[in-house]
Amino acid sequence: MSHGPRSGLYAVSSALLAMSRHLEVRDVLKTIVASARELLDAEYAALGVPDDHGGFAQFVVDGVSEQQWRAIGPLPRQHGILAAMLHEAKPERLADVRRDPRFEGWPSAHPEMSDFLGLPIRDGDEIIGALFLANKRCSKPRGGCGFTEADEELLSILAQHAAIALTNARLYERSRELTIAEERSRLAHELHDAVSQKLFSLRLTAQAAAALVDRDPGRAKGELQQVAALAAEAADELRAAVVELRPAGLDEDGLVATLRTQIQVLDRAHTARVTFTSCGVRALPAGQEEALLRVAQEALHNALRHSGAERVDVALEKRGPAVVLRVMDDGSGFEPNVTRRAGRHLGLVSMRDRAGGVGGTLTVESAPGKGTTIEMEVPGG
């Protein structure tokens, strides 16, 4: 039996590997549908995930263009053959879906379909989706279905693994949601502890200044100067609290693992894509690892909170006798040689101090509208 350019166990193995590469539910669904369509050499394939209200929470198609899909309209309801897949929990192989008594028609923009193979995707006793294939690319027997019993068995194998992939993707997304919630909760507690007392003092001092403005302008001026000092301290402590948001296992896990873990969390928590790569870096002295981590955190904070970047790439690599940390974003950028205030605001002075304190150097390349690249180089590694 042949199914297009690939067949047998190799085709099944390729489909399963493709499914295992993705963790997002939507990506897994797309991969399952594309794999099923290619595996059985069908013109159309779809996968529906039911909701709790008689419809589909998600419905992914392959073989239908975006323009066609938009013209078709809203997601289908659970009726006709689709309902059979989700409620009767058994395979359906039909010579012509249009002749089945359960067929209830489709929108005018829907492509014409004839032979049909459908199979529920089950997780234990729960039906978590259904696979649909239509229009087998082959010579069909008169009045018969192009899909064979062997096709059904092959799709059954794929559906079993699709259930595992889909369940794993759901667990991953739930885990990601919990990680983000925990990180936000920890951030809220740390910011509260670090800054709340300063802000309380700031408020009292501002109230005192307001009361003194009319009757004692000299004392009011002194209070306002204290307000400015307290505000600066609060800003410093706020920045320190954010910088401290890192895994505590630097000594146990090392710089590479610690950076990777933190960047994975940032990638999940922000809309920007945050990536990390490492090549050839071995353990460094504790002071250098601490400095590199701090600079990476500061640069990431700037890129994610101030630059409007859509992508931030972090790399740690061996370069000759040195190790180089590079944080590159595609954000708004700035003019580092002109805007001293911006440089101080973005922590460039403190980053240079950290680099110099461990015998390293820090370079900054940026321009308005051109993004920013920060590199820190330290000897060794």
Protein backbone atom coordinates (compact mmCIF):
# COMPACT_ATOMS: atom_id res chain seq x y z
CA MET A 1 0.00 0.00 0.00
CA SER A 2 1.38 3.42 -0.91
CA HIS A 3 0.35 6.87 0.20
CA GLY A 4 2.00 9.42 -2.04
CA PRO A 5 5.74 9.93 -1.71
CA ARG A 6 6.02 8.30 1.70
CA SER A 7 4.53 5.13 3.08
CA GLY A 8 4.41 2.65 5.92
CA LEU A 9 6.26 2.94 9.22
CA TYR A 10 8.55 5.71 7.95
CA ALA A 11 5.57 7.95 7.23
CA VAL A 12 4.00 7.21 10.63
CA SER A 13 7.32 7.83 12.39
CA SER A 14 7.78 11.15 10.57
CA ALA A 15 4.29 12.24 11.56
CA LEU A 16 4.85 11.35 15.23
CA LEU A 17 8.17 13.17 15.31
CA ALA A 18 6.54 16.25 13.82
CA MET A 19 3.88 16.20 16.54
CA SER A 20 6.47 15.86 19.30
CA ARG A 21 8.30 19.02 18.22
CA HIS A 22 5.49 21.34 19.33
CA LEU A 23 4.17 22.26 22.75
CA GLU A 24 1.52 24.87 21.94
CA VAL A 25 -1.94 23.32 21.51
CA ARG A 26 -2.68 25.18 18.27
CA ASP A 27 0.65 24.07 16.75
CA VAL A 28 0.01 20.47 17.77
CA LEU A 29 -3.45 20.54 16.19
CA LYS A 30 -2.07 21.92 12.92
CA THR A 31 0.68 19.30 12.85
CA ILE A 32 -1.75 16.44 13.49
CA VAL A 33 -4.03 17.59 10.66
CA ALA A 34 -1.19 18.12 8.19
CA SER A 35 0.36 14.76 9.13
CA ALA A 36 -2.94 12.90 8.71
CA ARG A 37 -3.62 14.46 5.32
CA GLU A 38 -0.13 13.65 4.04
CA LEU A 39 -0.07 10.18 5.56
CA LEU A 40 -3.32 9.09 3.89
CA ASP A 41 -2.88 11.21 0.75
CA ALA A 42 -6.18 13.05 1.15
CA GLU A 43 -7.23 16.32 -0.43
CA TYR A 44 -8.73 17.71 2.79
CA ALA A 45 -8.22 17.13 6.51
CA ALA A 46 -9.68 18.70 9.63
CA LEU A 47 -9.56 18.27 13.39
CA GLY A 48 -12.25 19.51 15.74
CA VAL A 49 -11.92 19.98 19.51
CA PRO A 50 -15.34 20.13 21.22
CA ASP A 51 -16.44 22.79 23.65
CA ASP A 52 -19.04 22.37 26.38
CA HIS A 53 -21.83 24.15 24.50
CA GLY A 54 -22.57 21.97 21.52
CA GLY A 55 -19.94 23.44 19.23
CA PHE A 56 -16.23 23.37 18.62
CA ALA A 57 -13.71 25.23 20.74
CA GLN A 58 -11.16 24.81 17.95
CA PHE A 59 -11.37 23.56 14.40
CA VAL A 60 -8.21 23.26 12.32
CA VAL A 61 -8.18 22.49 8.59
CA ASP A 62 -5.55 21.55 6.03
CA GLY A 63 -6.06 21.75 2.27
CA VAL A 64 -8.34 24.79 2.51
CA SER A 65 -6.88 28.24 1.84
CA GLU A 66 -7.24 31.09 4.33
CA GLN A 67 -9.48 32.90 1.87
CA GLN A 68 -11.74 29.85 1.51
CA TRP A 69 -11.86 29.34 5.26
CA ARG A 70 -12.92 32.94 5.88
CA ALA A 71 -15.63 32.59 3.23
CA ILE A 72 -16.97 29.41 4.83
CA GLY A 73 -17.87 31.34 7.98
CA PRO A 74 -18.21 30.43 11.68
CA LEU A 75 -16.93 27.22 13.21
CA PRO A 76 -19.25 24.26 12.54
CA ARG A 77 -21.67 23.07 15.17
CA GLN A 78 -21.67 19.48 16.37
CA HIS A 79 -24.22 18.03 13.99
CA GLY A 80 -24.44 15.36 11.32
CA ILE A 81 -21.28 13.37 10.73
CA LEU A 82 -19.32 15.61 13.10
CA ALA A 83 -21.69 14.75 15.92
CA ALA A 84 -21.28 11.06 15.15
CA MET A 85 -17.54 11.34 15.65
CA LEU A 86 -17.90 13.06 19.01
CA HIS A 87 -20.87 11.22 20.50
CA GLU A 88 -20.86 7.72 19.07
CA ALA A 89 -17.06 7.35 19.41
CA LYS A 90 -16.56 5.06 16.45
CA PRO A 91 -14.81 5.38 13.06
CA GLU A 92 -16.83 6.42 10.01
CA ARG A 93 -15.75 5.45 6.48
CA LEU A 94 -18.15 6.60 3.76
CA ALA A 95 -18.10 6.33 -0.04
CA ASP A 96 -19.88 9.69 -0.32
CA VAL A 97 -20.54 11.81 2.73
CA ARG A 98 -23.25 13.72 0.87
CA ARG A 99 -25.39 10.58 0.56
CA ASP A 100 -25.31 9.78 4.27
CA PRO A 101 -28.72 10.35 5.94
CA ARG A 102 -27.00 12.38 8.68
CA PHE A 103 -25.54 14.84 6.18
CA GLU A 104 -27.06 18.30 6.66
CA GLY A 105 -25.26 20.27 3.97
CA TRP A 106 -22.52 22.86 4.24
CA PRO A 107 -22.00 26.57 3.45
CA SER A 108 -21.87 27.63 -0.19
CA ALA A 109 -18.12 28.39 0.00
CA HIS A 110 -17.35 24.92 1.38
CA PRO A 111 -15.31 22.71 -0.99
CA GLU A 112 -17.04 19.67 -2.48
CA MET A 113 -16.21 16.44 -0.68
CA SER A 114 -17.12 12.84 -1.45
CA ASP A 115 -15.38 9.89 0.21
CA PHE A 116 -14.82 10.42 3.90
CA LEU A 117 -12.90 8.93 6.83
CA GLY A 118 -13.47 10.12 10.36
CA LEU A 119 -12.03 8.95 13.67
CA PRO A 120 -12.46 10.15 17.27
CA ILE A 121 -9.39 11.09 19.30
CA ARG A 122 -9.72 9.67 22.79
CA ASP A 123 -7.98 10.21 26.09
CA GLY A 124 -9.24 7.24 28.06
CA ASP A 125 -13.02 7.48 28.00
CA GLU A 126 -13.01 11.15 27.06
CA ILE A 127 -13.30 12.22 23.42
CA ILE A 128 -10.96 15.20 23.09
CA GLY A 129 -11.27 15.67 19.35
CA ALA A 130 -12.08 14.12 16.01
CA LEU A 131 -10.07 13.73 12.80
CA PHE A 132 -11.77 14.08 9.44
CA LEU A 133 -10.31 13.25 6.04
CA ALA A 134 -12.00 13.66 2.66
CA ASN A 135 -11.31 13.04 -1.03
CA LYS A 136 -8.67 10.32 -1.12
CA ARG A 137 -6.31 10.89 -4.05
CA CYS A 138 -6.67 7.54 -5.79
CA SER A 139 -8.74 5.60 -8.28
CA LYS A 140 -11.96 4.84 -6.45
CA PRO A 141 -14.06 1.71 -7.05
CA ARG A 142 -17.47 2.44 -8.52
CA GLY A 143 -19.73 3.43 -5.66
CA GLY A 144 -16.96 2.68 -3.18
CA CYS A 145 -14.77 4.60 -0.77
CA GLY A 146 -11.20 5.51 -1.65
CA PHE A 147 -10.18 5.13 1.98
CA THR A 148 -9.42 1.51 2.89
CA GLU A 149 -9.52 -0.50 6.07
CA ALA A 150 -5.72 -0.22 6.15
CA ASP A 151 -6.08 3.58 5.99
CA GLU A 152 -8.41 3.43 8.95
CA GLU A 153 -5.90 1.36 10.93
CA LEU A 154 -3.12 3.80 10.07
CA LEU A 155 -5.22 6.78 11.10
CA SER A 156 -6.09 4.98 14.32
CA ILE A 157 -2.39 4.72 15.20
CA LEU A 158 -1.96 8.41 14.44
CA ALA A 159 -5.02 9.30 16.53
CA GLN A 160 -3.67 7.45 19.57
CA HIS A 161 -0.43 9.41 19.44
CA ALA A 162 -2.31 12.59 18.64
CA ALA A 163 -4.19 12.13 21.92
CA ILE A 164 -0.88 11.95 23.80
CA ALA A 165 0.54 14.99 21.97
CA LEU A 166 -2.61 17.02 22.56
CA THR A 167 -2.80 16.08 26.23
CA ASN A 168 0.88 16.95 26.73
CA ALA A 169 0.36 20.31 25.00
CA ARG A 170 -2.58 21.09 27.26
CA LEU A 171 -0.54 20.20 30.34
CA TYR A 172 2.32 22.36 29.08
CA GLU A 173 0.04 25.37 28.54
CA ARG A 174 -1.49 24.89 31.99
CA SER A 175 1.99 24.67 33.49
CA ARG A 176 2.98 27.84 31.65
CA GLU A 177 -0.07 29.67 32.99
CA LEU A 178 0.78 28.57 36.53
CA THR A 179 4.41 29.63 36.08
CA ILE A 180 3.37 33.10 34.93
CA ALA A 181 0.89 33.42 37.80
CA GLU A 182 3.51 32.37 40.34
CA GLU A 183 6.07 34.76 38.87
CA ARG A 184 3.61 37.64 38.99
CA SER A 185 2.68 36.80 42.57
CA ARG A 186 6.33 36.67 43.62
CA LEU A 187 7.01 39.94 41.84
CA ALA A 188 4.11 41.61 43.62
CA HIS A 189 5.36 40.47 47.05
CA GLU A 190 8.95 41.51 46.39
CA LEU A 191 7.99 44.92 45.04
CA HIS A 192 5.67 45.49 47.97
CA ASP A 193 8.30 44.61 50.56
CA ALA A 194 11.03 46.63 48.85
CA VAL A 195 9.18 49.82 48.03
CA SER A 196 6.06 50.19 50.18
CA GLN A 197 7.86 51.73 53.17
CA LYS A 198 9.66 54.24 50.96
CA LEU A 199 6.41 55.24 49.30
CA PHE A 200 4.75 55.65 52.70
CA SER A 201 7.54 57.99 53.81
CA LEU A 202 7.32 59.81 50.50
CA ARG A 203 3.61 60.43 50.98
CA LEU A 204 4.03 61.76 54.53
CA THR A 205 6.86 64.07 53.50
CA ALA A 206 4.85 65.41 50.56
CA GLN A 207 1.92 66.10 52.90
CA ALA A 208 4.22 67.96 55.29
CA ALA A 209 5.61 70.03 52.43
CA ALA A 210 2.10 70.95 51.28
CA ALA A 211 1.18 72.09 54.80
CA LEU A 212 4.29 74.30 55.03
CA VAL A 213 4.13 75.97 51.61
CA ASP A 214 2.20 79.04 52.78
CA ARG A 215 3.50 79.60 56.32
CA ASP A 216 7.12 78.49 56.03
CA PRO A 217 8.37 78.30 52.41
CA GLY A 218 11.94 77.63 53.54
CA ARG A 219 11.00 74.48 55.44
CA ALA A 220 8.66 73.47 52.63
CA LYS A 221 11.58 73.65 50.20
CA GLY A 222 13.59 71.35 52.46
CA GLU A 223 10.71 68.88 52.65
CA LEU A 224 10.38 68.92 48.85
CA GLN A 225 14.08 68.17 48.53
CA GLN A 226 13.49 65.21 50.86
CA VAL A 227 10.60 64.13 48.62
CA ALA A 228 12.96 64.12 45.64
CA ALA A 229 15.53 62.07 47.56
CA LEU A 230 12.96 59.55 48.73
CA ALA A 231 11.58 59.23 45.20
CA ALA A 232 15.07 58.50 43.88
CA GLU A 233 15.60 55.87 46.58
CA ALA A 234 12.23 54.28 45.81
CA ALA A 235 13.14 54.12 42.11
CA ASP A 236 16.49 52.52 42.95
CA GLU A 237 14.86 49.93 45.20
CA LEU A 238 12.22 49.22 42.57
CA ARG A 239 14.92 48.59 40.00
CA ALA A 240 16.86 46.42 42.46
CA ALA A 241 13.73 44.39 43.20
CA VAL A 242 13.18 43.73 39.51
CA VAL A 243 16.83 42.82 38.94
CA GLU A 244 16.67 40.38 41.85
CA LEU A 245 13.90 38.42 40.15
CA ARG A 246 16.07 35.47 39.18
CA PRO A 247 16.33 31.80 40.07
CA ALA A 248 18.19 31.32 43.30
CA GLY A 249 20.28 28.40 42.06
CA LEU A 250 23.20 30.19 40.39
CA ASP A 251 25.72 28.42 42.64
CA GLU A 252 24.08 25.03 42.15
CA ASP A 253 23.05 25.23 38.49
CA GLY A 254 25.65 27.53 36.97
CA LEU A 255 25.25 30.54 34.71
CA VAL A 256 24.07 28.80 31.54
CA ALA A 257 21.24 26.85 33.19
CA THR A 258 20.20 29.84 35.29
CA LEU A 259 20.03 32.15 32.29
CA ARG A 260 18.15 29.57 30.25
CA THR A 261 15.54 29.09 32.98
CA GLN A 262 15.01 32.80 33.52
CA ILE A 263 14.73 33.53 29.80
CA GLN A 264 12.17 30.75 29.38
CA VAL A 265 10.05 32.43 32.07
CA LEU A 266 10.43 35.85 30.41
CA ASP A 267 9.49 34.40 27.04
CA ARG A 268 6.29 33.03 28.53
CA ALA A 269 5.45 36.18 30.49
CA HIS A 270 5.96 38.75 27.71
CA THR A 271 4.52 39.16 24.24
CA ALA A 272 8.03 39.63 22.83
CA ARG A 273 9.90 36.50 21.69
CA VAL A 274 12.88 35.94 24.00
CA THR A 275 15.50 33.36 23.01
CA PHE A 276 18.72 32.02 24.51
CA THR A 277 21.66 30.20 22.94
CA SER A 278 24.93 29.08 24.48
CA CYS A 279 28.04 27.65 22.86
CA GLY A 280 31.24 26.35 24.40
CA VAL A 281 30.97 28.12 27.77
CA ARG A 282 32.28 26.30 30.80
CA ALA A 283 32.08 27.30 34.47
CA LEU A 284 33.43 30.76 35.31
CA PRO A 285 34.55 32.26 38.62
CA ALA A 286 31.57 33.09 40.83
CA GLY A 287 32.11 36.85 40.56
CA GLN A 288 32.11 36.77 36.77
CA GLU A 289 28.98 34.61 36.62
CA GLU A 290 27.21 36.96 39.01
CA ALA A 291 28.21 40.01 36.97
CA LEU A 292 27.18 38.42 33.67
CA LEU A 293 23.83 37.41 35.12
CA ARG A 294 23.18 40.90 36.50
CA VAL A 295 24.06 42.57 33.21
CA ALA A 296 21.85 40.14 31.31
CA GLN A 297 18.95 40.87 33.68
CA GLU A 298 19.39 44.63 33.35
CA ALA A 299 19.63 44.47 29.55
CA LEU A 300 16.58 42.18 29.36
CA HIS A 301 14.62 44.49 31.64
CA ASN A 302 15.42 47.46 29.40
CA ALA A 303 14.54 45.61 26.21
CA LEU A 304 11.24 44.20 27.52
CA ARG A 305 10.01 47.23 29.47
CA HIS A 306 11.35 50.25 27.59
CA SER A 307 12.26 49.43 23.98
CA GLY A 308 8.98 48.01 22.64
CA ALA A 309 10.96 45.11 21.15
CA GLU A 310 9.18 42.24 19.44
CA ARG A 311 12.22 39.98 19.73
CA VAL A 312 15.13 39.76 22.18
CA ASP A 313 17.98 37.33 21.55
CA VAL A 314 20.45 36.45 24.29
CA ALA A 315 23.65 34.56 23.51
CA LEU A 316 26.51 33.37 25.72
CA GLU A 317 29.49 32.08 23.80
CA LYS A 318 33.20 31.39 23.90
CA ARG A 319 35.22 33.83 21.81
CA GLY A 320 38.94 33.07 21.85
CA PRO A 321 40.24 33.44 25.40
CA ALA A 322 37.07 35.21 26.55
CA VAL A 323 33.36 34.67 27.13
CA VAL A 324 30.89 37.08 25.55
CA LEU A 325 27.34 37.82 26.62
CA ARG A 326 25.20 39.46 23.92
CA VAL A 327 21.68 40.84 24.39
CA MET A 328 20.19 42.07 21.12
CA ASP A 329 16.71 43.54 20.62
CA ASP A 330 14.78 44.97 17.68
CA GLY A 331 13.23 47.77 19.73
CA SER A 332 13.19 51.54 19.46
CA GLY A 333 16.90 52.03 20.22
CA PHE A 334 18.53 55.28 21.37
CA GLU A 335 21.65 57.37 20.86
CA PRO A 336 24.09 56.21 23.57
CA ASN A 337 26.73 58.86 22.85
CA VAL A 338 24.34 61.76 23.12
CA THR A 339 21.62 60.86 25.58
CA ARG A 340 23.45 60.62 28.88
CA ARG A 341 20.23 60.76 30.80
CA ALA A 342 18.90 57.80 28.83
CA GLY A 343 22.12 55.92 29.46
CA ARG A 344 21.81 56.45 33.19
CA HIS A 345 18.09 55.60 33.10
CA LEU A 346 18.82 52.35 31.29
CA GLY A 347 21.46 51.34 33.82
CA LEU A 348 24.38 51.50 31.36
CA VAL A 349 26.67 53.06 33.97
CA SER A 350 25.97 50.29 36.49
CA MET A 351 26.38 47.62 33.77
CA ARG A 352 29.78 49.06 32.82
CA ASP A 353 30.75 49.13 36.48
CA ARG A 354 29.78 45.48 36.87
CA ALA A 355 31.77 44.50 33.79
CA GLY A 356 34.82 46.47 34.89
CA GLY A 357 34.62 45.04 38.39
CA VAL A 358 35.37 41.53 37.07
CA GLY A 359 38.00 42.56 34.52
CA GLY A 360 35.56 42.74 31.61
CA THR A 361 34.29 45.32 29.16
CA LEU A 362 30.85 46.45 28.05
CA THR A 363 29.98 47.78 24.60
CA VAL A 364 26.66 49.25 23.48
CA GLU A 365 25.49 49.60 19.90
CA SER A 366 22.20 51.39 19.34
CA ALA A 367 20.50 53.98 17.18
CA PRO A 368 16.97 55.39 17.14
CA GLY A 369 14.69 52.89 15.40
CA LYS A 370 17.53 50.37 14.96
CA GLY A 371 17.35 48.34 18.16
CA THR A 372 20.10 47.83 20.72
CA THR A 373 22.92 45.33 21.16
CA ILE A 374 24.74 45.09 24.48
CA GLU A 375 27.86 42.95 24.74
CA MET A 376 29.81 42.10 27.86
CA GLU A 377 33.14 40.34 27.51
CA VAL A 378 35.06 38.74 30.37
CA PRO A 379 38.33 36.78 30.29
CA GLY A 380 38.35 33.01 30.85
CA GLY A 381 35.80 30.30 30.41
